[in-house]
C-alpha atoms as a PDB file:
ATOM      1  CA  MET A   1     113.204  85.806  93.090  1.00  0.00           C
ATOM      2  CA  ILE A   2     111.758  85.232  89.451  1.00  0.00           C
ATOM      3  CA  LYS A   3     111.104  87.813  86.617  1.00  0.00           C
ATOM      4  CA  VAL A   4     107.465  88.007  85.519  1.00  0.00           C
ATOM      5  CA  VAL A   5     104.793  90.220  83.674  1.00  0.00           C
ATOM      6  CA  GLY A   6     101.131  90.442  85.039  1.00  0.00           C
ATOM      7  CA  VAL A   7      98.620  90.028  82.238  1.00  0.00           C
ATOM      8  CA  ARG A   8      94.778  90.285  82.690  1.00  0.00           C
ATOM      9  CA  PHE A   9      92.312  88.625  80.091  1.00  0.00           C
ATOM     10  CA  ARG A  10      89.373  90.710  81.195  1.00  0.00           C
ATOM     11  CA  ARG A  11      88.126  93.658  82.577  1.00  0.00           C
ATOM     12  CA  ALA A  12      88.855  93.807  86.633  1.00  0.00           C
ATOM     13  CA  GLY A  13      89.766  89.823  85.736  1.00  0.00           C
ATOM     14  CA  LYS A  14      92.319  88.106  87.924  1.00  0.00           C
ATOM     15  CA  ILE A  15      96.023  88.752  87.073  1.00  0.00           C
ATOM     16  CA  TYR A  16      98.196  85.938  85.913  1.00  0.00           C
ATOM     17  CA  TYR A  17     102.055  85.971  85.741  1.00  0.00           C
ATOM     18  CA  PHE A  18     103.758  84.993  82.486  1.00  0.00           C
ATOM     19  CA  ASP A  19     107.492  84.741  81.885  1.00  0.00           C
ATOM     20  CA  PRO A  20     108.311  88.036  79.652  1.00  0.00           C
ATOM     21  CA  LYS A  21     111.903  86.409  78.292  1.00  0.00           C
ATOM     22  CA  ASP A  22     113.748  89.757  77.205  1.00  0.00           C
ATOM     23  CA  MET A  23     110.567  91.231  75.265  1.00  0.00           C
ATOM     24  CA  VAL A  24     110.335  95.084  76.187  1.00  0.00           C
ATOM     25  CA  MET A  25     106.537  95.902  77.235  1.00  0.00           C
ATOM     26  CA  LYS A  26     104.918  98.531  79.589  1.00  0.00           C
ATOM     27  CA  LYS A  27     101.408  98.703  81.023  1.00  0.00           C
ATOM     28  CA  GLY A  28      98.600  98.804  78.730  1.00  0.00           C
ATOM     29  CA  ASP A  29     100.249  96.562  76.047  1.00  0.00           C
ATOM     30  CA  HIS A  30      98.593  93.932  74.499  1.00  0.00           C
ATOM     31  CA  VAL A  31     100.389  90.562  74.241  1.00  0.00           C
ATOM     32  CA  ILE A  32      99.699  86.964  73.178  1.00  0.00           C
ATOM     33  CA  VAL A  33     100.307  84.315  75.396  1.00  0.00           C
ATOM     34  CA  GLU A  34      99.565  80.349  76.117  1.00  0.00           C
ATOM     35  CA  THR A  35      97.125  79.396  78.796  1.00  0.00           C
ATOM     36  CA  ALA A  36      95.621  75.938  79.941  1.00  0.00           C
ATOM     37  CA  ARG A  37      92.585  76.510  77.519  1.00  0.00           C
ATOM     38  CA  GLY A  38      94.651  77.908  74.330  1.00  0.00           C
ATOM     39  CA  VAL A  39      96.468  80.889  73.195  1.00  0.00           C
ATOM     40  CA  GLU A  40      94.879  83.972  74.504  1.00  0.00           C
ATOM     41  CA  TYR A  41      95.088  87.694  74.026  1.00  0.00           C
ATOM     42  CA  GLY A  42      95.786  89.722  77.403  1.00  0.00           C
ATOM     43  CA  THR A  43      96.400  93.191  78.635  1.00  0.00           C
ATOM     44  CA  VAL A  44      99.838  93.944  80.291  1.00  0.00           C
ATOM     45  CA  ILE A  45      98.799  95.209  84.086  1.00  0.00           C
ATOM     46  CA  ILE A  46     102.145  94.614  85.722  1.00  0.00           C
ATOM     47  CA  THR A  47     105.303  95.549  83.959  1.00  0.00           C
ATOM     48  CA  PRO A  48     108.166  93.190  83.910  1.00  0.00           C
ATOM     49  CA  GLY A  49     109.617  92.641  87.035  1.00  0.00           C
ATOM     50  CA  THR A  50     110.605  90.272  89.962  1.00  0.00           C
ATOM     51  CA  VAL A  51     108.568  88.699  92.759  1.00  0.00           C
ATOM     52  CA  ALA A  52     109.061  85.508  95.224  1.00  0.00           C
ATOM     53  CA  GLU A  53     108.999  82.143  93.675  1.00  0.00           C
ATOM     54  CA  ASP A  54     106.323  81.181  95.991  1.00  0.00           C
ATOM     55  CA  GLN A  55     103.682  83.633  94.548  1.00  0.00           C
ATOM     56  CA  VAL A  56     104.096  82.086  90.930  1.00  0.00           C
ATOM     57  CA  VAL A  57     102.443  78.931  89.901  1.00  0.00           C
ATOM     58  CA  GLN A  58     104.866  76.699  88.240  1.00  0.00           C
ATOM     59  CA  PRO A  59     105.153  75.961  85.403  1.00  0.00           C
ATOM     60  CA  LEU A  60     105.393  79.490  84.225  1.00  0.00           C
ATOM     61  CA  LYS A  61     104.492  79.950  80.493  1.00  0.00           C
ATOM     62  CA  PRO A  62     106.314  82.463  78.416  1.00  0.00           C
ATOM     63  CA  VAL A  63     104.838  85.420  76.554  1.00  0.00           C
ATOM     64  CA  ILE A  64     104.424  84.175  72.745  1.00  0.00           C
ATOM     65  CA  ARG A  65     104.947  87.646  71.566  1.00  0.00           C
ATOM     66  CA  VAL A  66     103.834  91.743  71.757  1.00  0.00           C
ATOM     67  CA  ALA A  67     100.658  91.651  70.134  1.00  0.00           C
ATOM     68  CA  THR A  68     100.741  93.328  66.453  1.00  0.00           C
ATOM     69  CA  PRO A  69      98.512  95.312  64.461  1.00  0.00           C
ATOM     70  CA  GLU A  70      97.220  92.242  63.061  1.00  0.00           C
ATOM     71  CA  ASP A  71      96.683  90.426  66.151  1.00  0.00           C
ATOM     72  CA  ASP A  72      94.491  93.262  67.287  1.00  0.00           C
ATOM     73  CA  LYS A  73      92.421  92.961  64.052  1.00  0.00           C
ATOM     74  CA  VAL A  74      92.060  89.303  64.754  1.00  0.00           C
ATOM     75  CA  GLU A  75      90.854  90.386  68.522  1.00  0.00           C
ATOM     76  CA  ALA A  76      88.142  92.778  67.230  1.00  0.00           C
ATOM     77  CA  LYS A  77      87.025  90.125  64.772  1.00  0.00           C
ATOM     78  CA  ASN A  78      86.591  87.645  67.696  1.00  0.00           C
ATOM     79  CA  LYS A  79      84.626  90.196  69.730  1.00  0.00           C
ATOM     80  CA  GLU A  80      81.964  90.559  66.611  1.00  0.00           C
ATOM     81  CA  LYS A  81      82.044  86.826  66.062  1.00  0.00           C
ATOM     82  CA  GLU A  82      80.926  86.495  69.997  1.00  0.00           C
ATOM     83  CA  LYS A  83      77.946  88.589  69.469  1.00  0.00           C
ATOM     84  CA  GLN A  84      76.994  86.278  66.733  1.00  0.00           C
ATOM     85  CA  ALA A  85      77.594  83.408  68.700  1.00  0.00           C
ATOM     86  CA  TYR A  86      75.509  84.784  71.395  1.00  0.00           C
ATOM     87  CA  ILE A  87      72.540  85.178  69.524  1.00  0.00           C
ATOM     88  CA  ILE A  88      72.718  81.433  67.959  1.00  0.00           C
ATOM     89  CA  CYS A  89      73.170  80.058  71.339  1.00  0.00           C
ATOM     90  CA  GLN A  90      69.996  82.119  72.637  1.00  0.00           C
ATOM     91  CA  GLU A  91      68.177  80.566  69.814  1.00  0.00           C
ATOM     92  CA  LYS A  92      69.312  76.922  70.674  1.00  0.00           C
ATOM     93  CA  ILE A  93      68.644  77.128  74.006  1.00  0.00           C
ATOM     94  CA  LYS A  94      65.030  78.228  73.223  1.00  0.00           C
ATOM     95  CA  LYS A  95      64.631  75.308  70.805  1.00  0.00           C
ATOM     96  CA  HIS A  96      65.821  72.860  73.471  1.00  0.00           C
ATOM     97  CA  GLY A  97      63.424  74.410  76.052  1.00  0.00           C
ATOM     98  CA  LEU A  98      66.220  74.541  78.946  1.00  0.00           C
ATOM     99  CA  GLU A  99      65.835  76.560  81.879  1.00  0.00           C
ATOM    100  CA  MET A 100      68.840  78.617  81.604  1.00  0.00           C
ATOM    101  CA  LYS A 101      69.817  82.188  81.083  1.00  0.00           C
ATOM    102  CA  LEU A 102      72.997  83.040  78.786  1.00  0.00           C
ATOM    103  CA  VAL A 103      75.497  85.616  80.107  1.00  0.00           C
ATOM    104  CA  GLU A 104      78.272  85.783  77.586  1.00  0.00           C
ATOM    105  CA  ALA A 105      79.783  83.955  74.611  1.00  0.00           C
ATOM    106  CA  GLU A 106      83.587  84.083  74.383  1.00  0.00           C
ATOM    107  CA  TYR A 107      86.018  82.820  71.619  1.00  0.00           C
ATOM    108  CA  THR A 108      89.629  81.773  72.633  1.00  0.00           C
ATOM    109  CA  PHE A 109      92.436  84.300  70.546  1.00  0.00           C
ATOM    110  CA  ASP A 110      93.010  81.175  68.351  1.00  0.00           C
ATOM    111  CA  ASN A 111      89.581  80.254  68.057  1.00  0.00           C
ATOM    112  CA  ASN A 112      89.905  76.795  69.063  1.00  0.00           C
ATOM    113  CA  LYS A 113      87.262  76.604  71.918  1.00  0.00           C
ATOM    114  CA  LEU A 114      84.138  78.644  72.107  1.00  0.00           C
ATOM    115  CA  LEU A 115      82.863  79.397  75.854  1.00  0.00           C
ATOM    116  CA  PHE A 116      79.117  80.354  76.887  1.00  0.00           C
ATOM    117  CA  TYR A 117      78.483  81.175  80.426  1.00  0.00           C
ATOM    118  CA  PHE A 118      75.380  80.989  81.849  1.00  0.00           C
ATOM    119  CA  THR A 119      73.171  80.962  84.790  1.00  0.00           C
ATOM    120  CA  ALA A 120      70.789  78.556  86.301  1.00  0.00           C
ATOM    121  CA  ASP A 121      68.604  77.573  89.425  1.00  0.00           C
ATOM    122  CA  GLY A 122      69.898  73.788  89.305  1.00  0.00           C
ATOM    123  CA  ARG A 123      71.903  71.543  87.288  1.00  0.00           C
ATOM    124  CA  ILE A 124      71.378  71.517  83.312  1.00  0.00           C
ATOM    125  CA  ASP A 125      71.740  68.823  80.836  1.00  0.00           C
ATOM    126  CA  PHE A 126      72.953  70.689  78.133  1.00  0.00           C
ATOM    127  CA  ARG A 127      74.587  67.432  76.202  1.00  0.00           C
ATOM    128  CA  GLU A 128      72.260  68.257  72.946  1.00  0.00           C
ATOM    129  CA  LEU A 129      72.890  71.672  72.963  1.00  0.00           C
ATOM    130  CA  VAL A 130      76.709  71.144  72.864  1.00  0.00           C
ATOM    131  CA  LYS A 131      76.100  68.810  69.905  1.00  0.00           C
ATOM    132  CA  ASP A 132      74.060  71.618  68.055  1.00  0.00           C
ATOM    133  CA  LEU A 133      76.466  73.996  69.013  1.00  0.00           C
ATOM    134  CA  ALA A 134      79.403  72.373  67.619  1.00  0.00           C
ATOM    135  CA  ALA A 135      77.673  71.450  64.089  1.00  0.00           C
ATOM    136  CA  VAL A 136      77.189  74.543  63.978  1.00  0.00           C
ATOM    137  CA  PHE A 137      80.548  76.569  64.977  1.00  0.00           C
ATOM    138  CA  ARG A 138      82.854  73.410  64.300  1.00  0.00           C
ATOM    139  CA  THR A 139      85.084  74.305  67.218  1.00  0.00           C
ATOM    140  CA  ARG A 140      85.502  72.999  70.700  1.00  0.00           C
ATOM    141  CA  ILE A 141      82.174  73.893  72.594  1.00  0.00           C
ATOM    142  CA  GLU A 142      82.221  74.531  76.222  1.00  0.00           C
ATOM    143  CA  LEU A 143      79.290  75.822  78.485  1.00  0.00           C
ATOM    144  CA  ARG A 144      80.085  77.138  82.262  1.00  0.00           C
ATOM    145  CA  GLN A 145      77.619  77.575  84.887  1.00  0.00           C
ATOM    146  CA  ILE A 146      78.325  80.673  86.806  1.00  0.00           C
ATOM    147  CA  GLY A 147      77.048  82.154  89.941  1.00  0.00           C
ATOM    148  CA  VAL A 148      74.962  85.599  90.397  1.00  0.00           C
ATOM    149  CA  ARG A 149      77.910  87.605  91.296  1.00  0.00           C
ATOM    150  CA  ASP A 150      79.897  86.706  88.331  1.00  0.00           C
ATOM    151  CA  GLU A 151      77.119  87.397  86.093  1.00  0.00           C
ATOM    152  CA  THR A 152      76.724  90.718  87.664  1.00  0.00           C
ATOM    153  CA  LYS A 153      80.814  91.088  86.930  1.00  0.00           C
ATOM    154  CA  ILE A 154      80.460  90.674  83.348  1.00  0.00           C
ATOM    155  CA  LEU A 155      77.348  92.585  82.705  1.00  0.00           C
ATOM    156  CA  GLY A 156      78.198  95.668  85.117  1.00  0.00           C
ATOM    157  CA  GLY A 157      75.951  98.453  86.319  1.00  0.00           C
ATOM    158  CA  VAL A 158      75.469 101.204  88.961  1.00  0.00           C
ATOM    159  CA  GLY A 159      75.375 100.497  92.655  1.00  0.00           C
ATOM    160  CA  ILE A 160      73.102 102.374  95.061  1.00  0.00           C
ATOM    161  CA  CYS A 161      75.953 104.644  95.811  1.00  0.00           C
ATOM    162  CA  GLY A 162      75.613 105.834  92.355  1.00  0.00           C
ATOM    163  CA  ARG A 163      78.915 104.702  90.905  1.00  0.00           C
ATOM    164  CA  GLU A 164      79.945 101.717  88.450  1.00  0.00           C
ATOM    165  CA  LEU A 165      79.856  98.663  90.026  1.00  0.00           C
ATOM    166  CA  CYS A 166      83.112  97.581  92.228  1.00  0.00           C
ATOM    167  CA  CYS A 167      83.348  94.083  90.870  1.00  0.00           C
ATOM    168  CA  HIS A 168      83.237  95.258  87.115  1.00  0.00           C
ATOM    169  CA  THR A 169      85.777  98.028  87.730  1.00  0.00           C
ATOM    170  CA  PHE A 170      88.446  96.953  89.737  1.00  0.00           C
ATOM    171  CA  LEU A 171      87.596  94.076  92.187  1.00  0.00           C
ATOM    172  CA  SER A 172      89.407  91.340  90.970  1.00  0.00           C
ATOM    173  CA  GLU A 173      88.388  88.337  93.516  1.00  0.00           C
ATOM    174  CA  PHE A 174      85.586  88.208  95.360  1.00  0.00           C
ATOM    175  CA  ALA A 175      85.845  88.167  98.973  1.00  0.00           C
ATOM    176  CA  PRO A 176      83.631  86.447 101.724  1.00  0.00           C
ATOM    177  CA  VAL A 177      80.829  88.350 103.001  1.00  0.00           C
ATOM    178  CA  SER A 178      78.816  87.927 106.111  1.00  0.00           C
ATOM    179  CA  ILE A 179      75.719  89.491 107.986  1.00  0.00           C
ATOM    180  CA  LYS A 180      78.126  89.882 110.889  1.00  0.00           C
ATOM    181  CA  MET A 181      79.841  92.470 108.913  1.00  0.00           C
ATOM    182  CA  ALA A 182      76.654  94.324 108.530  1.00  0.00           C
ATOM    183  CA  LYS A 183      75.782  94.289 112.282  1.00  0.00           C
ATOM    184  CA  GLU A 184      79.163  95.096 113.089  1.00  0.00           C
ATOM    185  CA  GLN A 185      78.766  98.362 110.962  1.00  0.00           C
ATOM    186  CA  ASN A 186      75.193  99.180 112.783  1.00  0.00           C
ATOM    187  CA  LEU A 187      73.441  98.855 109.473  1.00  0.00           C
ATOM    188  CA  SER A 188      69.893  98.393 108.848  1.00  0.00           C
ATOM    189  CA  LEU A 189      69.110  94.339 108.321  1.00  0.00           C
ATOM    190  CA  ASN A 190      66.805  95.232 105.624  1.00  0.00           C
ATOM    191  CA  PRO A 191      68.104  93.153 102.527  1.00  0.00           C
ATOM    192  CA  SER A 192      67.107  95.811 100.247  1.00  0.00           C
ATOM    193  CA  LYS A 193      69.469  98.316 101.778  1.00  0.00           C
ATOM    194  CA  ILE A 194      72.507  95.747 102.359  1.00  0.00           C
ATOM    195  CA  SER A 195      72.186  93.775  99.017  1.00  0.00           C
ATOM    196  CA  GLY A 196      73.883  94.744  95.978  1.00  0.00           C
ATOM    197  CA  VAL A 197      72.416  94.485  92.386  1.00  0.00           C
ATOM    198  CA  CYS A 198      73.151  90.668  92.254  1.00  0.00           C
ATOM    199  CA  GLY A 199      70.952  89.885  95.085  1.00  0.00           C
ATOM    200  CA  ARG A 200      73.868  89.235  97.461  1.00  0.00           C
ATOM    201  CA  LEU A 201      75.405  91.338 100.411  1.00  0.00           C
ATOM    202  CA  MET A 202      77.273  94.072  99.058  1.00  0.00           C
ATOM    203  CA  CYS A 203      81.083  93.518  98.689  1.00  0.00           C
ATOM    204  CA  CYS A 204      81.631  97.077 100.210  1.00  0.00           C
ATOM    205  CA  LEU A 205      80.575  95.914 103.747  1.00  0.00           C
ATOM    206  CA  LYS A 206      84.292  93.953 103.654  1.00  0.00           C
ATOM    207  CA  ASN A 207      85.886  97.304 103.071  1.00  0.00           C
ATOM    208  CA  GLU A 208      85.627  98.978 106.462  1.00  0.00           C
ATOM    209  CA  GLU A 209      85.135  95.658 108.306  1.00  0.00           C
ATOM    210  CA  ASP A 210      88.331  95.659 110.130  1.00  0.00           C
ATOM    211  CA  THR A 211      88.129  99.369 111.007  1.00  0.00           C
ATOM    212  CA  TYR A 212      84.719  98.684 112.594  1.00  0.00           C
ATOM    213  CA  GLU A 213      85.902  95.700 114.539  1.00  0.00           C
ATOM    214  CA  TYR A 214      88.588  97.911 116.005  1.00  0.00           C
ATOM    215  CA  LEU A 215      86.390 100.769 117.043  1.00  0.00           C
ATOM    216  CA  ASN A 216      83.933  98.543 118.402  1.00  0.00           C
ATOM    217  CA  SER A 217      86.084  96.686 120.547  1.00  0.00           C
ATOM    218  CA  ARG A 218      86.874 100.187 122.263  1.00  0.00           C
ATOM    219  CA  LEU A 219      83.198 100.764 123.012  1.00  0.00           C
ATOM    220  CA  PRO A 220      80.866  99.169 125.662  1.00  0.00           C
ATOM    221  CA  ASN A 221      77.609  97.946 124.176  1.00  0.00           C
ATOM    222  CA  PRO A 222      73.976  99.639 125.071  1.00  0.00           C
ATOM    223  CA  GLY A 223      72.518  98.149 128.376  1.00  0.00           C
ATOM    224  CA  ASP A 224      76.271  97.740 129.813  1.00  0.00           C
ATOM    225  CA  ARG A 225      76.968  99.033 133.281  1.00  0.00           C
ATOM    226  CA  VAL A 226      80.174 101.473 133.258  1.00  0.00           C
ATOM    227  CA  THR A 227      81.972 103.699 135.478  1.00  0.00           C
ATOM    228  CA  THR A 228      82.751 107.406 134.163  1.00  0.00           C
ATOM    229  CA  CYS A 229      85.457 109.314 134.725  1.00  0.00           C
ATOM    230  CA  ASP A 230      83.909 111.526 137.514  1.00  0.00           C
ATOM    231  CA  ASN A 231      83.099 107.969 139.459  1.00  0.00           C
ATOM    232  CA  LEU A 232      79.583 108.157 138.524  1.00  0.00           C
ATOM    233  CA  LYS A 233      77.933 104.748 137.757  1.00  0.00           C
ATOM    234  CA  GLY A 234      75.481 104.331 135.100  1.00  0.00           C
ATOM    235  CA  GLU A 235      73.956 102.276 131.982  1.00  0.00           C
ATOM    236  CA  VAL A 236      75.128 102.836 128.480  1.00  0.00           C
ATOM    237  CA  GLN A 237      72.173 104.309 126.578  1.00  0.00           C
ATOM    238  CA  SER A 238      73.721 104.582 122.955  1.00  0.00           C
ATOM    239  CA  VAL A 239      77.075 104.837 121.280  1.00  0.00           C
ATOM    240  CA  ASN A 240      78.642 106.555 118.243  1.00  0.00           C
ATOM    241  CA  VAL A 241      81.101 104.347 116.837  1.00  0.00           C
ATOM    242  CA  LEU A 242      82.809 106.823 114.316  1.00  0.00           C
ATOM    243  CA  ARG A 243      83.197 109.457 116.728  1.00  0.00           C
ATOM    244  CA  GLN A 244      83.768 107.317 119.838  1.00  0.00           C
ATOM    245  CA  ARG A 245      81.298 108.741 122.044  1.00  0.00           C
ATOM    246  CA  VAL A 246      79.063 107.040 124.496  1.00  0.00           C
ATOM    247  CA  LYS A 247      75.603 108.064 125.949  1.00  0.00           C
ATOM    248  CA  VAL A 248      75.402 107.291 129.648  1.00  0.00           C
ATOM    249  CA  VAL A 249      72.383 107.344 131.964  1.00  0.00           C
ATOM    250  CA  VAL A 250      74.014 108.202 135.260  1.00  0.00           C
ATOM    251  CA  ASP A 251      72.638 109.082 138.705  1.00  0.00           C
ATOM    252  CA  ASN A 252      73.978 111.955 140.341  1.00  0.00           C
ATOM    253  CA  GLY A 253      72.492 111.458 143.607  1.00  0.00           C
ATOM    254  CA  GLU A 254      69.579 113.693 143.087  1.00  0.00           C
ATOM    255  CA  GLU A 255      68.018 112.721 139.760  1.00  0.00           C
ATOM    256  CA  LYS A 256      68.748 110.416 136.863  1.00  0.00           C
ATOM    257  CA  GLU A 257      70.597 112.276 133.601  1.00  0.00           C
ATOM    258  CA  ILE A 258      71.980 111.494 130.141  1.00  0.00           C
ATOM    259  CA  ARG A 259      75.689 112.571 129.595  1.00  0.00           C
ATOM    260  CA  GLU A 260      78.117 111.892 126.999  1.00  0.00           C
ATOM    261  CA  TYR A 261      81.599 110.569 127.192  1.00  0.00           C
ATOM    262  CA  GLN A 262      84.693 109.922 125.009  1.00  0.00           C
ATOM    263  CA  ALA A 263      85.209 105.907 125.196  1.00  0.00           C
ATOM    264  CA  ASP A 264      88.494 106.265 126.893  1.00  0.00           C
ATOM    265  CA  GLN A 265      86.807 108.234 129.858  1.00  0.00           C
ATOM    266  CA  LEU A 266      84.785 105.330 130.890  1.00  0.00           C
ATOM    267  CA  ARG A 267      85.761 101.751 132.611  1.00  0.00           C
ATOM    268  CA  PHE A 268      84.076  98.936 131.688  1.00  0.00           C
ATOM    269  CA  LYS A 269      84.439  94.980 131.703  1.00  0.00           C
ATOM    270  CA  GLN A 270      85.264  93.901 128.597  1.00  0.00           C
ATOM    271  CA  LYS A 271      83.458  90.708 127.058  1.00  0.00           C
ATOM    272  CA  ASN A 272      82.119  89.038 123.832  1.00  0.00           C
ATOM    273  CA  ARG A 273      80.512  91.494 121.656  1.00  0.00           C
ATOM    274  CA  LYS A 274      76.653  90.801 121.737  1.00  0.00           C
ATOM    275  CA  ASP A 275      74.647  91.453 118.582  1.00  0.00           C
ATOM    276  CA  ARG A 276      73.325  94.782 118.240  1.00  0.00           C
ATOM    277  CA  HIS A 277      69.861  93.692 116.258  1.00  0.00           C
ATOM    278  CA  LYS A 278      67.627  91.130 117.589  1.00  0.00           C
ATOM    279  CA  ILE A 279      66.513  89.128 114.505  1.00  0.00           C
ATOM    280  CA  SER A 280      63.606  86.673 114.100  1.00  0.00           C
ATOM    281  CA  LYS A 281      64.269  83.169 112.833  1.00  0.00           C
ATOM    282  CA  GLU A 282      62.561  84.079 109.775  1.00  0.00           C
ATOM    283  CA  GLU A 283      64.653  87.211 109.202  1.00  0.00           C
ATOM    284  CA  LEU A 284      67.819  85.473 109.784  1.00  0.00           C
ATOM    285  CA  LYS A 285      66.723  82.743 107.100  1.00  0.00           C
ATOM    286  CA  GLU A 286      66.232  85.630 104.664  1.00  0.00           C
ATOM    287  CA  LEU A 287      69.415  87.339 105.427  1.00  0.00           C
ATOM    288  CA  ALA A 288      71.627  84.209 105.366  1.00  0.00           C
ATOM    289  CA  ALA A 289      70.512  83.314 101.703  1.00  0.00           C
ATOM    290  CA  LEU A 290      72.189  87.054 101.021  1.00  0.00           C
ATOM    291  CA  GLU A 291      75.630  85.895 102.319  1.00  0.00           C
ATOM    292  CA  ASP A 292      78.260  84.708 100.057  1.00  0.00           C
ATOM    293  CA  LYS A 293      81.442  82.486 100.990  1.00  0.00           C
ATOM    294  CA  GLY A 294      83.658  83.971  98.122  1.00  0.00           C
ATOM    295  CA  GLY A 295      85.786  81.471  96.676  1.00  0.00           C
ATOM    296  CA  LYS A 296      87.506  80.996  93.237  1.00  0.00           C
ATOM    297  CA  SER A 297      85.268  82.803  90.616  1.00  0.00           C
ATOM    298  CA  LYS A 298      84.119  80.524  88.010  1.00  0.00           C
ATOM    299  CA  LEU A 299      85.487  83.076  85.291  1.00  0.00           C
ATOM    300  CA  ASP A 300      88.966  82.283  86.125  1.00  0.00           C
ATOM    301  CA  ASP A 301      90.560  79.297  84.311  1.00  0.00           C
ATOM    302  CA  THR A 302      93.935  78.036  85.406  1.00  0.00           C
ATOM    303  CA  LYS A 303      95.842  79.806  82.462  1.00  0.00           C
END
């Protein structure tokens, strides 16, 4: 076991471990730490405690100090400088005629590096832009191309649920999201209904995936042949996943009728689940563009 403190550098960002040494700090305190990209100002999210050594990336860097009032003033000043840097960079982008959208400017705490995050449809040759920016700010300049999910995480917004976006408030890492999750939850495959503000599949589809996989595994598919608890044979007309109820068209000897049963009142052959929706090739191509494989966020440097 090794003693660590968890520090975050941006809202809903990834949590990094540092050595707290013998310093006293509590959740919400600000600290100054040394990272791979320079000295940074972070917020304590996990108070000092012990974790398994395999959860820590070595070498574990120490916390330099708990932030002082002077450090807080420097950080506030940096935030103001970032606003001005953003405006200047936008002007330079326009001057060079580059097809890129500037999202955010960010100074390291020690001002040794100025980062600009941007989105673009393809690769951008920004070498001349970097030279111009370095001449203006006289510090190391880094331009980092990010994806639409990272852009939305930075800018924030409100989802169709009426709440602030998960990625902007608490979701520290993006999980892979696929069309299979939407089909498993029997959702409409209308792109406007299942895509988020970023234009990709909504992250919340992942939240209930495990539950729906389990519930669906206990149900037959519409069209399957089943035997009921009263020894009648029939064909499944529809299923209610959450209530675990199944409507079956049965033949009672005189006529066909629809009866409703609990899933555990039916016997049927378990098999690989079929897609609940028929999708044309054009629709499938459109929906596939919404999928996201997850992976490491471009906002997360190795600290």
